[in-house]
Amino acid sequence: MPIPVLTGPSVVLRPHVEADLGPIVERCTDPDSVRWTTVPSPYTEDMGREYLAAIMKPSDEQVSWAIETDGAYAGTIDLRAWTREPGHGSGNIGFVTHPRARGRGVMSETIGLVLDHAFTDLGWELVAWQANVGNYASYKAAWRNGFPLPLLVPALLPHKGRMLDGWHSVLEPDLPREPQVTWDEACAVLQEHVRTARRPG
């Protein structure tokens, strides 16, 4: 799939470039990224260089955008295809924010742009979101874009040698693209999941 440039009010989604290496290493060594993602730890510059070379190339299975805000790298978002049959496309999103860009609505806006691309430009029927149970920040960005309350799925996601319980939510193009419950209502459900789930320590 090609890597188109997508532009919003505050962010630009673009192909990665070699200058993104330093910020990528920074986000991959950030404690929150280490906790909630499958990034290796310790993470080296050589690992970052290999990762960057892979995501700079167009792929049949995945599009990886660099998120840019205020002229600087702010994270990465992936759109991964499960099926690309005409009129029946589907897949999931995965994303991580650079520490300096957190708490500013950057990822919420970014997800909206990618959903527009998946539903309007690619004609997909659904986009899924998944995360380890307890990753409230990830779900909050998805929740702002209309993703329904997630299901708790046992042993959904591999994480550093273990299978951990995960959250799974699916958005279809005809669903509202805004929260369907308040954040407090969402947290009441999510906290019950956290109480019983196998999740990152």
C-alpha atoms as a PDB file:
ATOM      1  CA  MET A   1       0.000   0.000   0.000  1.00  0.00           C
ATOM      2  CA  PRO A   2       1.317   3.505  -0.733  1.00  0.00           C
ATOM      3  CA  ILE A   3       2.125   5.940   2.065  1.00  0.00           C
ATOM      4  CA  PRO A   4       0.083   9.069   1.295  1.00  0.00           C
ATOM      5  CA  VAL A   5       0.602  12.336   3.134  1.00  0.00           C
ATOM      6  CA  LEU A   6      -2.420  13.093   5.337  1.00  0.00           C
ATOM      7  CA  THR A   7      -2.861  16.557   6.806  1.00  0.00           C
ATOM      8  CA  GLY A   8      -4.991  17.740   9.715  1.00  0.00           C
ATOM      9  CA  PRO A   9      -5.286  20.997  11.658  1.00  0.00           C
ATOM     10  CA  SER A  10      -2.348  20.189  13.946  1.00  0.00           C
ATOM     11  CA  VAL A  11      -0.606  17.129  12.515  1.00  0.00           C
ATOM     12  CA  VAL A  12       0.887  15.884   9.272  1.00  0.00           C
ATOM     13  CA  LEU A  13       1.199  12.165   8.578  1.00  0.00           C
ATOM     14  CA  ARG A  14       4.077  11.481   6.218  1.00  0.00           C
ATOM     15  CA  PRO A  15       6.520   8.732   5.274  1.00  0.00           C
ATOM     16  CA  HIS A  16       9.348   8.258   7.740  1.00  0.00           C
ATOM     17  CA  VAL A  17      12.742   9.735   6.912  1.00  0.00           C
ATOM     18  CA  GLU A  18      16.243   9.045   8.179  1.00  0.00           C
ATOM     19  CA  ALA A  19      16.102  12.124  10.421  1.00  0.00           C
ATOM     20  CA  ASP A  20      13.416  10.350  12.480  1.00  0.00           C
ATOM     21  CA  LEU A  21      15.987   7.888  13.860  1.00  0.00           C
ATOM     22  CA  GLY A  22      16.910   9.883  16.958  1.00  0.00           C
ATOM     23  CA  PRO A  23      13.323  10.560  18.079  1.00  0.00           C
ATOM     24  CA  ILE A  24      12.361   6.938  17.351  1.00  0.00           C
ATOM     25  CA  VAL A  25      15.108   5.696  19.655  1.00  0.00           C
ATOM     26  CA  GLU A  26      13.910   8.180  22.291  1.00  0.00           C
ATOM     27  CA  ARG A  27      10.345   6.900  22.180  1.00  0.00           C
ATOM     28  CA  CYS A  28      11.455   3.259  22.106  1.00  0.00           C
ATOM     29  CA  THR A  29      13.477   3.735  25.302  1.00  0.00           C
ATOM     30  CA  ASP A  30      10.754   5.701  27.086  1.00  0.00           C
ATOM     31  CA  PRO A  31       9.450   3.764  30.135  1.00  0.00           C
ATOM     32  CA  ASP A  32       5.803   3.909  29.046  1.00  0.00           C
ATOM     33  CA  SER A  33       6.662   2.605  25.577  1.00  0.00           C
ATOM     34  CA  VAL A  34       8.704  -0.213  27.100  1.00  0.00           C
ATOM     35  CA  ARG A  35       5.843  -1.134  29.426  1.00  0.00           C
ATOM     36  CA  TRP A  36       2.965  -1.129  26.964  1.00  0.00           C
ATOM     37  CA  THR A  37       4.525  -2.172  23.647  1.00  0.00           C
ATOM     38  CA  THR A  38       6.615  -5.066  22.409  1.00  0.00           C
ATOM     39  CA  VAL A  39       9.675  -2.889  21.799  1.00  0.00           C
ATOM     40  CA  PRO A  40      12.879  -4.715  22.839  1.00  0.00           C
ATOM     41  CA  SER A  41      14.636  -3.543  25.980  1.00  0.00           C
ATOM     42  CA  PRO A  42      17.378  -2.438  25.949  1.00  0.00           C
ATOM     43  CA  TYR A  43      16.805  -0.711  22.607  1.00  0.00           C
ATOM     44  CA  THR A  44      19.806   0.319  20.523  1.00  0.00           C
ATOM     45  CA  GLU A  45      20.373   2.764  17.695  1.00  0.00           C
ATOM     46  CA  ASP A  46      21.081  -0.163  15.367  1.00  0.00           C
ATOM     47  CA  MET A  47      17.647  -1.582  16.197  1.00  0.00           C
ATOM     48  CA  GLY A  48      16.126   1.785  15.421  1.00  0.00           C
ATOM     49  CA  ARG A  49      17.954   1.981  12.116  1.00  0.00           C
ATOM     50  CA  GLU A  50      16.725  -1.489  11.096  1.00  0.00           C
ATOM     51  CA  TYR A  51      13.152  -0.652  12.114  1.00  0.00           C
ATOM     52  CA  LEU A  52      13.246   2.647  10.257  1.00  0.00           C
ATOM     53  CA  ALA A  53      14.518   1.024   7.066  1.00  0.00           C
ATOM     54  CA  ALA A  54      11.631  -1.456   7.178  1.00  0.00           C
ATOM     55  CA  ILE A  55       8.821   1.058   7.711  1.00  0.00           C
ATOM     56  CA  MET A  56      10.119   3.539   5.123  1.00  0.00           C
ATOM     57  CA  LYS A  57       9.238   1.069   2.360  1.00  0.00           C
ATOM     58  CA  PRO A  58       5.666   0.654   1.077  1.00  0.00           C
ATOM     59  CA  SER A  59       4.243  -2.748   1.993  1.00  0.00           C
ATOM     60  CA  ASP A  60       1.259  -4.813   0.848  1.00  0.00           C
ATOM     61  CA  GLU A  61       0.292  -5.475   4.460  1.00  0.00           C
ATOM     62  CA  GLN A  62       0.947  -2.214   6.288  1.00  0.00           C
ATOM     63  CA  VAL A  63       1.247   1.556   6.031  1.00  0.00           C
ATOM     64  CA  SER A  64       3.447   3.269   8.630  1.00  0.00           C
ATOM     65  CA  TRP A  65       3.246   7.030   8.983  1.00  0.00           C
ATOM     66  CA  ALA A  66       5.468   9.368  10.914  1.00  0.00           C
ATOM     67  CA  ILE A  67       3.371  11.841  12.884  1.00  0.00           C
ATOM     68  CA  GLU A  68       4.702  15.382  12.675  1.00  0.00           C
ATOM     69  CA  THR A  69       3.540  18.326  14.746  1.00  0.00           C
ATOM     70  CA  ASP A  70       5.165  21.736  15.102  1.00  0.00           C
ATOM     71  CA  GLY A  71       7.731  20.556  12.546  1.00  0.00           C
ATOM     72  CA  ALA A  72       8.991  17.687  14.705  1.00  0.00           C
ATOM     73  CA  TYR A  73       8.490  13.921  14.885  1.00  0.00           C
ATOM     74  CA  ALA A  74       5.706  13.118  17.361  1.00  0.00           C
ATOM     75  CA  GLY A  75       5.143   9.381  16.952  1.00  0.00           C
ATOM     76  CA  THR A  76       4.236   6.584  14.556  1.00  0.00           C
ATOM     77  CA  ILE A  77       0.904   5.086  13.523  1.00  0.00           C
ATOM     78  CA  ASP A  78       0.425   1.894  11.510  1.00  0.00           C
ATOM     79  CA  LEU A  79      -2.557   0.742   9.461  1.00  0.00           C
ATOM     80  CA  ARG A  80      -2.269  -3.029   9.057  1.00  0.00           C
ATOM     81  CA  ALA A  81      -4.392  -4.881   6.522  1.00  0.00           C
ATOM     82  CA  TRP A  82      -6.123  -8.140   7.381  1.00  0.00           C
ATOM     83  CA  THR A  83      -7.853  -8.387   4.004  1.00  0.00           C
ATOM     84  CA  ARG A  84      -7.758  -6.060   1.012  1.00  0.00           C
ATOM     85  CA  GLU A  85     -10.490  -7.539  -1.187  1.00  0.00           C
ATOM     86  CA  PRO A  86     -12.284  -4.755  -3.082  1.00  0.00           C
ATOM     87  CA  GLY A  87     -15.128  -3.493  -0.919  1.00  0.00           C
ATOM     88  CA  HIS A  88     -14.237  -5.844   1.929  1.00  0.00           C
ATOM     89  CA  GLY A  89     -11.041  -4.401   3.366  1.00  0.00           C
ATOM     90  CA  SER A  90     -10.331  -4.600   7.067  1.00  0.00           C
ATOM     91  CA  GLY A  91      -7.436  -4.244   9.445  1.00  0.00           C
ATOM     92  CA  ASN A  92      -6.229  -2.652  12.630  1.00  0.00           C
ATOM     93  CA  ILE A  93      -4.355   0.402  13.834  1.00  0.00           C
ATOM     94  CA  GLY A  94      -1.324   0.513  16.092  1.00  0.00           C
ATOM     95  CA  PHE A  95       0.316   3.646  17.382  1.00  0.00           C
ATOM     96  CA  VAL A  96       2.830   5.095  19.801  1.00  0.00           C
ATOM     97  CA  THR A  97       3.386   8.715  20.762  1.00  0.00           C
ATOM     98  CA  HIS A  98       6.737  10.361  21.439  1.00  0.00           C
ATOM     99  CA  PRO A  99       6.841  11.498  25.096  1.00  0.00           C
ATOM    100  CA  ARG A 100       7.029  15.174  24.174  1.00  0.00           C
ATOM    101  CA  ALA A 101       3.725  14.990  22.270  1.00  0.00           C
ATOM    102  CA  ARG A 102       1.603  13.193  24.862  1.00  0.00           C
ATOM    103  CA  GLY A 103      -1.404  14.781  26.482  1.00  0.00           C
ATOM    104  CA  ARG A 104      -2.023  17.240  23.643  1.00  0.00           C
ATOM    105  CA  GLY A 105      -4.597  15.410  21.537  1.00  0.00           C
ATOM    106  CA  VAL A 106      -2.023  14.591  18.860  1.00  0.00           C
ATOM    107  CA  MET A 107      -2.893  10.896  18.648  1.00  0.00           C
ATOM    108  CA  SER A 108      -6.635  11.509  18.735  1.00  0.00           C
ATOM    109  CA  GLU A 109      -6.361  13.742  15.666  1.00  0.00           C
ATOM    110  CA  THR A 110      -3.984  11.291  14.015  1.00  0.00           C
ATOM    111  CA  ILE A 111      -6.365   8.358  14.436  1.00  0.00           C
ATOM    112  CA  GLY A 112      -9.139  10.398  12.850  1.00  0.00           C
ATOM    113  CA  LEU A 113      -7.035  11.016   9.755  1.00  0.00           C
ATOM    114  CA  VAL A 114      -6.155   7.337   9.428  1.00  0.00           C
ATOM    115  CA  LEU A 115      -9.786   6.279   9.853  1.00  0.00           C
ATOM    116  CA  ASP A 116     -10.809   8.725   7.120  1.00  0.00           C
ATOM    117  CA  HIS A 117      -8.186   7.178   4.857  1.00  0.00           C
ATOM    118  CA  ALA A 118      -9.230   3.595   5.655  1.00  0.00           C
ATOM    119  CA  PHE A 119     -12.967   4.146   5.247  1.00  0.00           C
ATOM    120  CA  THR A 120     -13.084   6.761   2.488  1.00  0.00           C
ATOM    121  CA  ASP A 121      -9.951   6.264   0.400  1.00  0.00           C
ATOM    122  CA  LEU A 122      -9.512   2.498   0.823  1.00  0.00           C
ATOM    123  CA  GLY A 123     -13.185   1.586   1.281  1.00  0.00           C
ATOM    124  CA  TRP A 124     -12.553  -0.625   4.306  1.00  0.00           C
ATOM    125  CA  GLU A 125     -15.469  -2.192   6.199  1.00  0.00           C
ATOM    126  CA  LEU A 126     -13.895  -2.077   9.642  1.00  0.00           C
ATOM    127  CA  VAL A 127     -10.856  -0.974  11.603  1.00  0.00           C
ATOM    128  CA  ALA A 128      -9.923  -2.634  14.885  1.00  0.00           C
ATOM    129  CA  TRP A 129      -8.006  -1.307  17.868  1.00  0.00           C
ATOM    130  CA  GLN A 130      -6.197  -3.513  20.377  1.00  0.00           C
ATOM    131  CA  ALA A 131      -4.054  -2.872  23.440  1.00  0.00           C
ATOM    132  CA  ASN A 132      -2.885  -4.545  26.607  1.00  0.00           C
ATOM    133  CA  VAL A 133      -5.412  -4.281  29.414  1.00  0.00           C
ATOM    134  CA  GLY A 134      -4.601  -1.224  31.505  1.00  0.00           C
ATOM    135  CA  ASN A 135      -3.369   0.986  28.673  1.00  0.00           C
ATOM    136  CA  TYR A 136      -5.918   3.718  29.324  1.00  0.00           C
ATOM    137  CA  ALA A 137      -4.077   6.326  27.242  1.00  0.00           C
ATOM    138  CA  SER A 138      -4.299   4.173  24.129  1.00  0.00           C
ATOM    139  CA  TYR A 139      -8.008   3.565  24.559  1.00  0.00           C
ATOM    140  CA  LYS A 140      -8.717   7.220  25.329  1.00  0.00           C
ATOM    141  CA  ALA A 141      -7.385   8.226  21.905  1.00  0.00           C
ATOM    142  CA  ALA A 142      -9.507   5.503  20.278  1.00  0.00           C
ATOM    143  CA  TRP A 143     -12.568   6.396  22.428  1.00  0.00           C
ATOM    144  CA  ARG A 144     -12.409   9.997  21.222  1.00  0.00           C
ATOM    145  CA  ASN A 145     -12.826   8.660  17.675  1.00  0.00           C
ATOM    146  CA  GLY A 146     -15.908   6.586  18.456  1.00  0.00           C
ATOM    147  CA  PHE A 147     -14.425   3.153  19.173  1.00  0.00           C
ATOM    148  CA  PRO A 148     -16.969   1.300  21.350  1.00  0.00           C
ATOM    149  CA  LEU A 149     -16.151  -0.011  24.809  1.00  0.00           C
ATOM    150  CA  PRO A 150     -13.609  -2.774  24.272  1.00  0.00           C
ATOM    151  CA  LEU A 151     -14.075  -6.441  24.923  1.00  0.00           C
ATOM    152  CA  LEU A 152     -11.703  -8.107  27.368  1.00  0.00           C
ATOM    153  CA  VAL A 153     -10.098 -10.973  25.438  1.00  0.00           C
ATOM    154  CA  PRO A 154      -7.997 -13.508  27.370  1.00  0.00           C
ATOM    155  CA  ALA A 155      -4.476 -14.148  26.087  1.00  0.00           C
ATOM    156  CA  LEU A 156      -4.981 -11.808  23.135  1.00  0.00           C
ATOM    157  CA  LEU A 157      -1.553 -10.220  22.764  1.00  0.00           C
ATOM    158  CA  PRO A 158       2.022 -11.529  22.931  1.00  0.00           C
ATOM    159  CA  HIS A 159       4.125  -9.407  25.255  1.00  0.00           C
ATOM    160  CA  LYS A 160       7.769 -10.123  26.003  1.00  0.00           C
ATOM    161  CA  GLY A 161       7.444 -13.885  26.102  1.00  0.00           C
ATOM    162  CA  ARG A 162       3.945 -14.064  27.614  1.00  0.00           C
ATOM    163  CA  MET A 163       0.395 -13.972  26.299  1.00  0.00           C
ATOM    164  CA  LEU A 164      -1.493 -11.223  28.096  1.00  0.00           C
ATOM    165  CA  ASP A 165      -5.153 -10.288  28.186  1.00  0.00           C
ATOM    166  CA  GLY A 166      -6.074  -7.533  25.777  1.00  0.00           C
ATOM    167  CA  TRP A 167      -8.699  -4.974  24.911  1.00  0.00           C
ATOM    168  CA  HIS A 168     -10.325  -5.247  21.484  1.00  0.00           C
ATOM    169  CA  SER A 169     -12.724  -2.793  19.842  1.00  0.00           C
ATOM    170  CA  VAL A 170     -13.988  -2.477  16.270  1.00  0.00           C
ATOM    171  CA  LEU A 171     -15.191   0.622  14.425  1.00  0.00           C
ATOM    172  CA  GLU A 172     -17.246   0.474  11.231  1.00  0.00           C
ATOM    173  CA  PRO A 173     -17.704   3.367   8.794  1.00  0.00           C
ATOM    174  CA  ASP A 174     -21.374   3.929   9.641  1.00  0.00           C
ATOM    175  CA  LEU A 175     -20.763   4.259  13.391  1.00  0.00           C
ATOM    176  CA  PRO A 176     -20.487   7.701  15.018  1.00  0.00           C
ATOM    177  CA  ARG A 177     -16.968   9.083  15.146  1.00  0.00           C
ATOM    178  CA  GLU A 178     -17.322  10.519  18.638  1.00  0.00           C
ATOM    179  CA  PRO A 179     -17.498   9.022  22.153  1.00  0.00           C
ATOM    180  CA  GLN A 180     -20.616   6.959  22.800  1.00  0.00           C
ATOM    181  CA  VAL A 181     -20.210   6.948  26.597  1.00  0.00           C
ATOM    182  CA  THR A 182     -18.570   9.405  28.968  1.00  0.00           C
ATOM    183  CA  TRP A 183     -14.972   8.797  29.949  1.00  0.00           C
ATOM    184  CA  ASP A 184     -16.060   8.124  33.550  1.00  0.00           C
ATOM    185  CA  GLU A 185     -18.510   5.489  32.313  1.00  0.00           C
ATOM    186  CA  ALA A 186     -15.798   3.916  30.188  1.00  0.00           C
ATOM    187  CA  CYS A 187     -13.342   3.856  33.085  1.00  0.00           C
ATOM    188  CA  ALA A 188     -15.855   2.092  35.328  1.00  0.00           C
ATOM    189  CA  VAL A 189     -15.913  -0.807  32.855  1.00  0.00           C
ATOM    190  CA  LEU A 190     -12.185  -0.752  32.148  1.00  0.00           C
ATOM    191  CA  GLN A 191     -11.260  -0.765  35.831  1.00  0.00           C
ATOM    192  CA  GLU A 192     -13.166  -3.994  36.333  1.00  0.00           C
ATOM    193  CA  HIS A 193     -11.162  -5.515  33.478  1.00  0.00           C
ATOM    194  CA  VAL A 194      -7.916  -4.312  35.048  1.00  0.00           C
ATOM    195  CA  ARG A 195      -8.854  -5.880  38.378  1.00  0.00           C
ATOM    196  CA  THR A 196      -8.966  -9.393  36.945  1.00  0.00           C
ATOM    197  CA  ALA A 197      -6.705  -9.387  33.886  1.00  0.00           C
ATOM    198  CA  ARG A 198      -3.199 -10.584  33.152  1.00  0.00           C
ATOM    199  CA  ARG A 199      -1.426  -7.413  32.126  1.00  0.00           C
ATOM    200  CA  PRO A 200       2.021  -5.798  32.008  1.00  0.00           C
ATOM    201  CA  GLY A 201       3.521  -5.172  35.445  1.00  0.00           C
END
